[in-house]
Amino acid sequence: MAESSKLKQVFASLDLPLIAAIAILYGLGVMTIYSATYGQGLGYVERQLINGIVAAMAMVVFFFIGVRRFFEWSYLLYGLLVISLIALLFLGDATRGSHRWIYLGGFAFQPSEMGKLILCLALARFLALKKDKSFSNFLKVLGLSAASGLFVLLQPDLGSSIIYVVITISCLWVWGLPKKYFAALVGSCLACIPIGWPFLRDYQKLRILTFLNPNIDPLGAGYNVIQSRIAVGSGGVFGKGFLKGTQSKLQFLPEPHTDFIFGVFAEEFGFIGAFLVFCLYAFVIWRILLVGLKSKDLRVKIFVGGFTGWILFHVFESVGMSMGLLPVTGLALPFMSYGGSSIISLSCGFGLLLSACLDFPKRYE
């Protein structure tokens, strides 16, 4: 009877609407990947289905282990993350000039993706123990975050390193960092833009320049943005229909199953389809924030802040670069873009988030 009662409590705490929204986004992603790679076989779709199964299993495992156990492990995990990022710079295989991937058999894994989750956990534990919102504690947080973020930047992976900054700022905001320190942090970030320009790779500089004016290099770095704009704009209100998008079918749109998957979806399903996707993401963010508002554990609140910033910026940047409104960084559209590292790390995060709901006697509304 006790086991049955415990299982009932577990299922009563599950946020089924949140799980359903995630499943719908994943389903739309698989459908769009199929369309984006139509005529190339089912390789990408099959691998994404496998990614989805692994991600679902990971979510269940992390749910039953629980977020509080991971808070206890967070410093150890963070240390292992930093070691893996350093080792990756020297031992990792270079892909397009970047050392981001660990290859195990036929699978590739990107440590910086799971690092986003580990950073959320480590910052949540660290900040919750620091009641004094002093400048010294503020600097310690920056040092903790930089210990991993700088090595991600050196891979080089500018997009993911920006996510590390966003997670840090989001956690500090929930913690209640004084406004004067926030102003100093924002000012420092803005100052780093001209200072950091000489240290960017040539292709990174070109991405920023073509964002400002894609016609500088219309057949090179600006080509992706121009073609993605055409794809999004040509979808109109109702779209061209499933499998009827010309930009991806005629191979004008590069990386249609990863970086520019939103362009494929918007071309085929138009403004109505894009609006539906935005609503789904808004719903997911709302349900995440409810966990933070409902929880009495400061660590959970800070974790929710970092996790929300992570997902929000991914959506904002992925959609923005597809529409030519933001520079191309290669960040995935959560649960829709092809790739195992992103979907698995996000699913682990949602597993921990759902485990925090076990404190609530009934499914929260």
Protein backbone atom coordinates (compact mmCIF):
# COMPACT_ATOMS: atom_id res chain seq x y z
CA MET A 1 0.00 0.00 0.00
CA ALA A 2 2.85 2.36 0.85
CA GLU A 3 4.45 1.79 -2.56
CA SER A 4 1.12 2.39 -4.30
CA SER A 5 0.56 5.61 -2.35
CA LYS A 6 4.05 6.85 -3.24
CA LEU A 7 3.53 6.15 -6.93
CA LYS A 8 0.21 8.02 -6.84
CA GLN A 9 2.01 11.00 -5.29
CA VAL A 10 4.69 10.88 -7.97
CA PHE A 11 2.19 10.84 -10.84
CA ALA A 12 0.04 13.51 -9.16
CA SER A 13 3.06 15.82 -9.10
CA LEU A 14 3.83 15.42 -12.80
CA ASP A 15 3.06 18.43 -14.95
CA LEU A 16 1.38 16.57 -17.79
CA PRO A 17 0.60 19.73 -19.83
CA LEU A 18 4.32 20.64 -19.75
CA ILE A 19 5.33 17.15 -20.84
CA ALA A 20 2.72 17.27 -23.62
CA ALA A 21 4.02 20.63 -24.90
CA ILE A 22 7.59 19.29 -25.00
CA ALA A 23 6.41 16.17 -26.84
CA ILE A 24 4.54 18.28 -29.43
CA LEU A 25 7.65 20.43 -30.06
CA TYR A 26 9.73 17.30 -30.47
CA GLY A 27 7.15 15.81 -32.85
CA LEU A 28 7.09 18.99 -34.94
CA GLY A 29 10.88 18.87 -34.99
CA VAL A 30 11.00 15.29 -36.29
CA MET A 31 8.42 16.16 -38.93
CA THR A 32 10.43 19.21 -40.03
CA ILE A 33 13.70 17.24 -40.08
CA TYR A 34 11.99 14.70 -42.34
CA SER A 35 10.91 17.52 -44.65
CA ALA A 36 14.30 19.27 -44.53
CA THR A 37 16.15 16.06 -45.50
CA TYR A 38 13.48 14.72 -47.87
CA GLY A 39 15.11 12.71 -50.65
CA GLN A 40 18.24 11.99 -48.58
CA GLY A 41 16.89 8.88 -46.90
CA LEU A 42 15.64 8.50 -43.33
CA GLY A 43 19.04 8.61 -41.63
CA TYR A 44 18.53 11.93 -39.86
CA VAL A 45 14.97 11.09 -38.82
CA GLU A 46 15.96 7.68 -37.46
CA ARG A 47 18.84 9.15 -35.47
CA GLN A 48 16.61 11.89 -34.09
CA LEU A 49 14.08 9.26 -33.01
CA ILE A 50 16.87 7.45 -31.21
CA ASN A 51 17.91 10.77 -29.65
CA GLY A 52 14.34 11.23 -28.49
CA ILE A 53 14.19 7.79 -26.88
CA VAL A 54 17.51 8.36 -25.08
CA ALA A 55 16.34 11.82 -23.99
CA ALA A 56 13.08 10.43 -22.60
CA MET A 57 14.98 7.76 -20.67
CA ALA A 58 17.39 10.39 -19.34
CA MET A 59 14.46 12.55 -18.21
CA VAL A 60 12.99 9.63 -16.25
CA VAL A 61 16.35 8.76 -14.65
CA PHE A 62 17.05 12.37 -13.62
CA PHE A 63 13.48 12.70 -12.32
CA PHE A 64 13.83 9.74 -9.98
CA ILE A 65 17.32 10.71 -8.81
CA GLY A 66 15.98 14.17 -8.01
CA VAL A 67 17.24 17.73 -8.21
CA ARG A 68 18.40 17.85 -4.59
CA ARG A 69 20.77 14.92 -5.09
CA PHE A 70 22.22 16.72 -8.11
CA PHE A 71 22.68 19.87 -6.06
CA GLU A 72 24.88 17.77 -3.75
CA TRP A 73 26.86 16.46 -6.72
CA SER A 74 27.02 19.79 -8.57
CA TYR A 75 30.56 20.84 -7.55
CA LEU A 76 31.99 17.43 -8.45
CA LEU A 77 30.15 17.47 -11.78
CA TYR A 78 31.36 21.00 -12.45
CA GLY A 79 34.97 19.96 -11.81
CA LEU A 80 34.60 17.03 -14.21
CA LEU A 81 33.07 19.42 -16.76
CA VAL A 82 36.04 21.79 -16.61
CA ILE A 83 38.47 18.87 -16.93
CA SER A 84 36.59 17.51 -19.96
CA LEU A 85 36.52 20.94 -21.63
CA ILE A 86 40.27 21.35 -21.14
CA ALA A 87 40.97 17.83 -22.40
CA LEU A 88 38.74 18.45 -25.41
CA LEU A 89 41.00 21.32 -26.55
CA PHE A 90 43.97 18.96 -26.76
CA LEU A 91 42.46 15.55 -27.41
CA GLY A 92 39.20 16.26 -29.24
CA ASP A 93 38.84 15.77 -32.97
CA ALA A 94 38.47 19.02 -34.86
CA THR A 95 35.22 19.49 -36.79
CA ARG A 96 35.17 22.57 -39.02
CA GLY A 97 38.06 23.93 -36.98
CA SER A 98 36.31 23.50 -33.61
CA HIS A 99 37.08 21.06 -30.79
CA ARG A 100 33.56 20.57 -29.42
CA TRP A 101 32.77 16.88 -29.76
CA ILE A 102 33.61 13.62 -28.05
CA TYR A 103 33.13 10.62 -30.34
CA LEU A 104 32.13 7.27 -28.85
CA GLY A 105 31.55 4.61 -31.47
CA GLY A 106 29.04 6.00 -33.93
CA PHE A 107 27.80 8.70 -31.55
CA ALA A 108 29.06 12.22 -30.91
CA PHE A 109 28.47 14.18 -27.73
CA GLN A 110 29.07 17.86 -26.99
CA PRO A 111 30.14 18.37 -23.33
CA SER A 112 29.34 22.08 -23.42
CA GLU A 113 25.63 21.25 -23.83
CA MET A 114 25.46 19.23 -20.60
CA GLY A 115 27.71 21.91 -19.13
CA LYS A 116 24.82 24.37 -19.33
CA LEU A 117 22.79 22.20 -16.99
CA ILE A 118 25.73 21.62 -14.66
CA LEU A 119 26.39 25.37 -14.51
CA CYS A 120 22.75 25.98 -13.52
CA LEU A 121 23.10 23.44 -10.69
CA ALA A 122 26.48 24.68 -9.46
CA LEU A 123 25.43 28.34 -9.44
CA ALA A 124 22.16 27.50 -7.70
CA ARG A 125 23.99 25.69 -4.91
CA PHE A 126 26.70 28.33 -4.58
CA LEU A 127 24.39 31.35 -4.56
CA ALA A 128 21.89 29.79 -2.16
CA LEU A 129 24.69 29.47 0.41
CA LYS A 130 25.74 33.11 0.00
CA LYS A 131 23.33 35.30 1.94
CA ASP A 132 25.65 38.30 1.71
CA LYS A 133 25.19 39.94 -1.69
CA SER A 134 28.61 41.54 -1.55
CA PHE A 135 30.93 42.48 -4.37
CA SER A 136 33.36 39.71 -3.37
CA ASN A 137 30.63 37.06 -3.71
CA PHE A 138 29.65 38.60 -7.04
CA LEU A 139 33.25 38.19 -8.26
CA LYS A 140 33.34 34.60 -7.00
CA VAL A 141 30.25 33.80 -9.09
CA LEU A 142 31.87 35.33 -12.18
CA GLY A 143 35.01 33.29 -11.52
CA LEU A 144 32.99 30.09 -11.12
CA SER A 145 31.18 30.68 -14.38
CA ALA A 146 34.32 31.75 -16.25
CA ALA A 147 36.08 28.52 -15.23
CA SER A 148 33.96 26.69 -17.81
CA GLY A 149 32.77 29.46 -20.12
CA LEU A 150 36.26 30.53 -21.20
CA PHE A 151 37.18 27.01 -22.30
CA VAL A 152 33.95 26.79 -24.30
CA LEU A 153 34.90 30.06 -25.99
CA LEU A 154 38.34 28.64 -26.82
CA GLN A 155 36.87 25.62 -28.66
CA PRO A 156 35.75 28.04 -30.26
CA ASP A 157 31.99 28.03 -29.58
CA LEU A 158 30.84 31.62 -29.31
CA GLY A 159 27.13 30.72 -29.21
CA SER A 160 27.40 28.35 -26.25
CA SER A 161 29.75 30.68 -24.36
CA ILE A 162 27.08 33.40 -24.65
CA ILE A 163 24.57 30.94 -23.15
CA TYR A 164 26.91 30.49 -20.17
CA VAL A 165 26.84 34.27 -19.68
CA VAL A 166 23.04 34.33 -19.97
CA ILE A 167 22.69 31.53 -17.40
CA THR A 168 24.99 33.38 -15.00
CA ILE A 169 23.08 36.66 -15.35
CA SER A 170 19.73 34.87 -14.94
CA CYS A 171 20.87 33.10 -11.76
CA LEU A 172 22.25 36.35 -10.33
CA TRP A 173 18.96 38.11 -11.09
CA VAL A 174 16.93 35.53 -9.16
CA TRP A 175 19.47 35.62 -6.32
CA GLY A 176 18.85 39.35 -6.02
CA LEU A 177 22.15 40.85 -7.09
CA PRO A 178 22.20 44.62 -6.35
CA LYS A 179 21.43 46.78 -9.37
CA LYS A 180 24.78 48.56 -9.24
CA TYR A 181 26.58 45.25 -9.77
CA PHE A 182 24.21 44.37 -12.58
CA ALA A 183 24.98 47.68 -14.25
CA ALA A 184 28.70 46.96 -13.91
CA LEU A 185 28.21 43.47 -15.38
CA VAL A 186 26.19 44.72 -18.36
CA GLY A 187 28.67 47.54 -18.92
CA SER A 188 31.56 45.08 -18.86
CA CYS A 189 29.83 42.84 -21.40
CA LEU A 190 29.24 45.78 -23.72
CA ALA A 191 32.85 46.92 -23.31
CA CYS A 192 34.06 43.45 -24.26
CA ILE A 193 32.47 43.77 -27.71
CA PRO A 194 35.08 46.16 -29.21
CA ILE A 195 37.87 44.74 -27.03
CA GLY A 196 37.08 41.16 -28.04
CA TRP A 197 36.76 41.90 -31.76
CA PRO A 198 40.47 41.27 -32.59
CA PHE A 199 40.29 37.89 -30.83
CA LEU A 200 37.39 36.57 -32.94
CA ARG A 201 38.07 34.11 -35.74
CA ASP A 202 37.69 35.42 -39.28
CA TYR A 203 34.49 33.44 -39.88
CA GLN A 204 33.00 34.84 -36.66
CA LYS A 205 33.77 38.40 -37.72
CA LEU A 206 32.25 37.70 -41.13
CA ARG A 207 29.06 36.38 -39.53
CA ILE A 208 28.64 39.61 -37.59
CA LEU A 209 29.39 41.78 -40.63
CA THR A 210 26.99 39.85 -42.84
CA PHE A 211 24.33 40.15 -40.14
CA LEU A 212 24.63 43.92 -40.46
CA ASN A 213 24.64 43.65 -44.25
CA PRO A 214 24.20 40.18 -45.83
CA ASN A 215 24.96 41.60 -49.28
CA ILE A 216 28.60 42.11 -48.30
CA ASP A 217 29.16 38.45 -49.16
CA PRO A 218 25.90 37.21 -50.75
CA LEU A 219 27.40 33.97 -52.06
CA GLY A 220 29.49 33.26 -48.97
CA ALA A 221 28.82 34.12 -45.32
CA GLY A 222 25.72 36.15 -46.17
CA TYR A 223 24.19 33.37 -48.25
CA ASN A 224 22.70 31.50 -45.27
CA VAL A 225 20.91 34.55 -43.91
CA ILE A 226 19.58 35.63 -47.30
CA GLN A 227 18.18 32.18 -48.11
CA SER A 228 16.65 31.77 -44.65
CA ARG A 229 14.94 35.17 -44.94
CA ILE A 230 13.50 34.09 -48.26
CA ALA A 231 12.25 30.83 -46.72
CA VAL A 232 10.54 32.54 -43.77
CA GLY A 233 9.05 35.32 -45.89
CA SER A 234 7.80 33.06 -48.68
CA GLY A 235 5.73 31.05 -46.19
CA GLY A 236 3.20 33.86 -45.93
CA VAL A 237 0.26 33.42 -43.58
CA PHE A 238 -0.60 29.78 -44.13
CA GLY A 239 2.62 28.39 -45.61
CA LYS A 240 3.28 26.35 -48.74
CA GLY A 241 2.30 23.06 -47.14
CA PHE A 242 4.19 20.08 -45.73
CA LEU A 243 7.00 18.90 -48.05
CA LYS A 244 6.27 21.78 -50.42
CA GLY A 245 8.92 24.25 -49.28
CA THR A 246 11.24 25.11 -52.15
CA GLN A 247 14.19 26.56 -50.25
CA SER A 248 15.07 23.28 -48.55
CA LYS A 249 13.88 20.96 -51.33
CA LEU A 250 16.00 22.73 -53.93
CA GLN A 251 18.87 22.88 -51.41
CA PHE A 252 19.08 26.67 -51.32
CA LEU A 253 18.80 26.68 -47.53
CA PRO A 254 21.98 25.39 -45.84
CA GLU A 255 21.86 23.29 -42.66
CA PRO A 256 18.04 23.10 -42.87
CA HIS A 257 17.74 20.34 -40.25
CA THR A 258 19.89 22.08 -37.61
CA ASP A 259 20.70 25.81 -37.64
CA PHE A 260 17.87 26.93 -39.92
CA ILE A 261 15.12 24.48 -39.06
CA PHE A 262 12.81 27.36 -38.18
CA GLY A 263 13.17 28.64 -41.76
CA VAL A 264 12.01 25.25 -43.10
CA PHE A 265 9.05 25.14 -40.71
CA ALA A 266 7.99 28.75 -41.37
CA GLU A 267 8.12 28.26 -45.15
CA GLU A 268 5.86 25.21 -45.02
CA PHE A 269 3.46 26.28 -42.25
CA GLY A 270 3.61 30.05 -42.50
CA PHE A 271 2.84 32.65 -39.86
CA ILE A 272 0.10 30.48 -38.33
CA GLY A 273 2.47 27.57 -37.80
CA ALA A 274 5.24 29.83 -36.44
CA PHE A 275 2.75 31.45 -34.05
CA LEU A 276 1.75 28.00 -32.78
CA VAL A 277 5.41 27.18 -32.08
CA PHE A 278 5.85 30.49 -30.23
CA CYS A 279 2.78 29.70 -28.13
CA LEU A 280 4.18 26.29 -27.25
CA TYR A 281 7.49 27.79 -26.14
CA ALA A 282 5.68 30.49 -24.16
CA PHE A 283 3.63 27.78 -22.44
CA VAL A 284 6.76 25.78 -21.60
CA ILE A 285 8.47 28.86 -20.13
CA TRP A 286 5.35 29.67 -18.09
CA ARG A 287 5.22 26.18 -16.59
CA ILE A 288 8.94 26.33 -15.77
CA LEU A 289 8.52 29.66 -13.99
CA LEU A 290 5.59 28.26 -12.00
CA VAL A 291 7.94 25.70 -10.46
CA GLY A 292 10.25 28.48 -9.30
CA LEU A 293 7.40 30.54 -7.91
CA LYS A 294 5.87 27.57 -6.11
CA SER A 295 9.07 26.13 -4.64
CA LYS A 296 10.30 27.27 -1.23
CA ASP A 297 13.85 26.06 -1.92
CA LEU A 298 16.09 28.96 -2.98
CA ARG A 299 18.32 26.54 -4.90
CA VAL A 300 15.37 25.45 -7.03
CA LYS A 301 14.36 29.08 -7.65
CA ILE A 302 17.86 29.99 -8.84
CA PHE A 303 18.09 26.81 -10.93
CA VAL A 304 14.76 27.70 -12.58
CA GLY A 305 16.12 31.17 -13.36
CA GLY A 306 19.20 29.80 -15.10
CA PHE A 307 17.24 27.10 -16.92
CA THR A 308 14.70 29.64 -18.17
CA GLY A 309 17.42 31.96 -19.44
CA TRP A 310 19.06 29.04 -21.23
CA ILE A 311 15.91 28.02 -23.12
CA LEU A 312 14.69 31.55 -23.80
CA PHE A 313 17.95 32.65 -25.36
CA HIS A 314 18.17 29.52 -27.51
CA VAL A 315 14.69 30.20 -28.91
CA PHE A 316 15.34 33.93 -29.30
CA GLU A 317 18.67 33.46 -31.08
CA SER A 318 17.65 30.49 -33.27
CA VAL A 319 14.52 32.22 -34.54
CA GLY A 320 16.30 35.59 -34.81
CA MET A 321 19.14 34.27 -36.95
CA SER A 322 16.68 32.44 -39.21
CA MET A 323 14.93 35.76 -39.84
CA GLY A 324 18.18 37.69 -40.28
CA LEU A 325 17.54 39.69 -37.10
CA LEU A 326 20.53 38.30 -35.17
CA PRO A 327 24.01 37.03 -36.12
CA VAL A 328 24.34 33.34 -36.99
CA THR A 329 25.68 31.41 -33.98
CA GLY A 330 24.50 27.86 -34.67
CA LEU A 331 22.39 27.54 -31.53
CA ALA A 332 19.74 24.83 -31.72
CA LEU A 333 16.00 25.47 -31.56
CA PRO A 334 15.08 23.52 -28.39
CA PHE A 335 13.53 20.09 -29.08
CA MET A 336 13.11 20.88 -32.79
CA SER A 337 16.63 21.07 -34.25
CA TYR A 338 18.42 17.85 -35.10
CA GLY A 339 21.03 16.78 -32.56
CA GLY A 340 21.36 14.53 -29.56
CA SER A 341 23.46 16.63 -27.18
CA SER A 342 20.97 19.50 -27.04
CA ILE A 343 17.79 17.44 -26.64
CA ILE A 344 19.34 15.10 -24.06
CA SER A 345 20.75 17.88 -21.87
CA LEU A 346 17.44 19.76 -22.00
CA SER A 347 15.52 16.58 -21.12
CA CYS A 348 17.81 15.99 -18.14
CA GLY A 349 17.03 19.53 -17.02
CA PHE A 350 13.30 18.96 -17.33
CA GLY A 351 13.65 15.72 -15.39
CA LEU A 352 15.21 17.66 -12.52
CA LEU A 353 12.59 20.38 -12.82
CA LEU A 354 9.76 17.86 -12.59
CA SER A 355 11.41 16.23 -9.58
CA ALA A 356 11.19 19.56 -7.76
CA CYS A 357 7.41 19.32 -8.14
CA LEU A 358 7.34 16.33 -5.76
CA ASP A 359 7.26 18.92 -2.96
CA PHE A 360 3.86 20.07 -4.15
CA PRO A 361 0.93 18.02 -2.77
CA LYS A 362 -1.08 18.40 -5.97
CA ARG A 363 -0.31 19.21 -9.58
CA TYR A 364 0.28 22.94 -9.58
CA GLU A 365 -2.01 25.23 -11.55
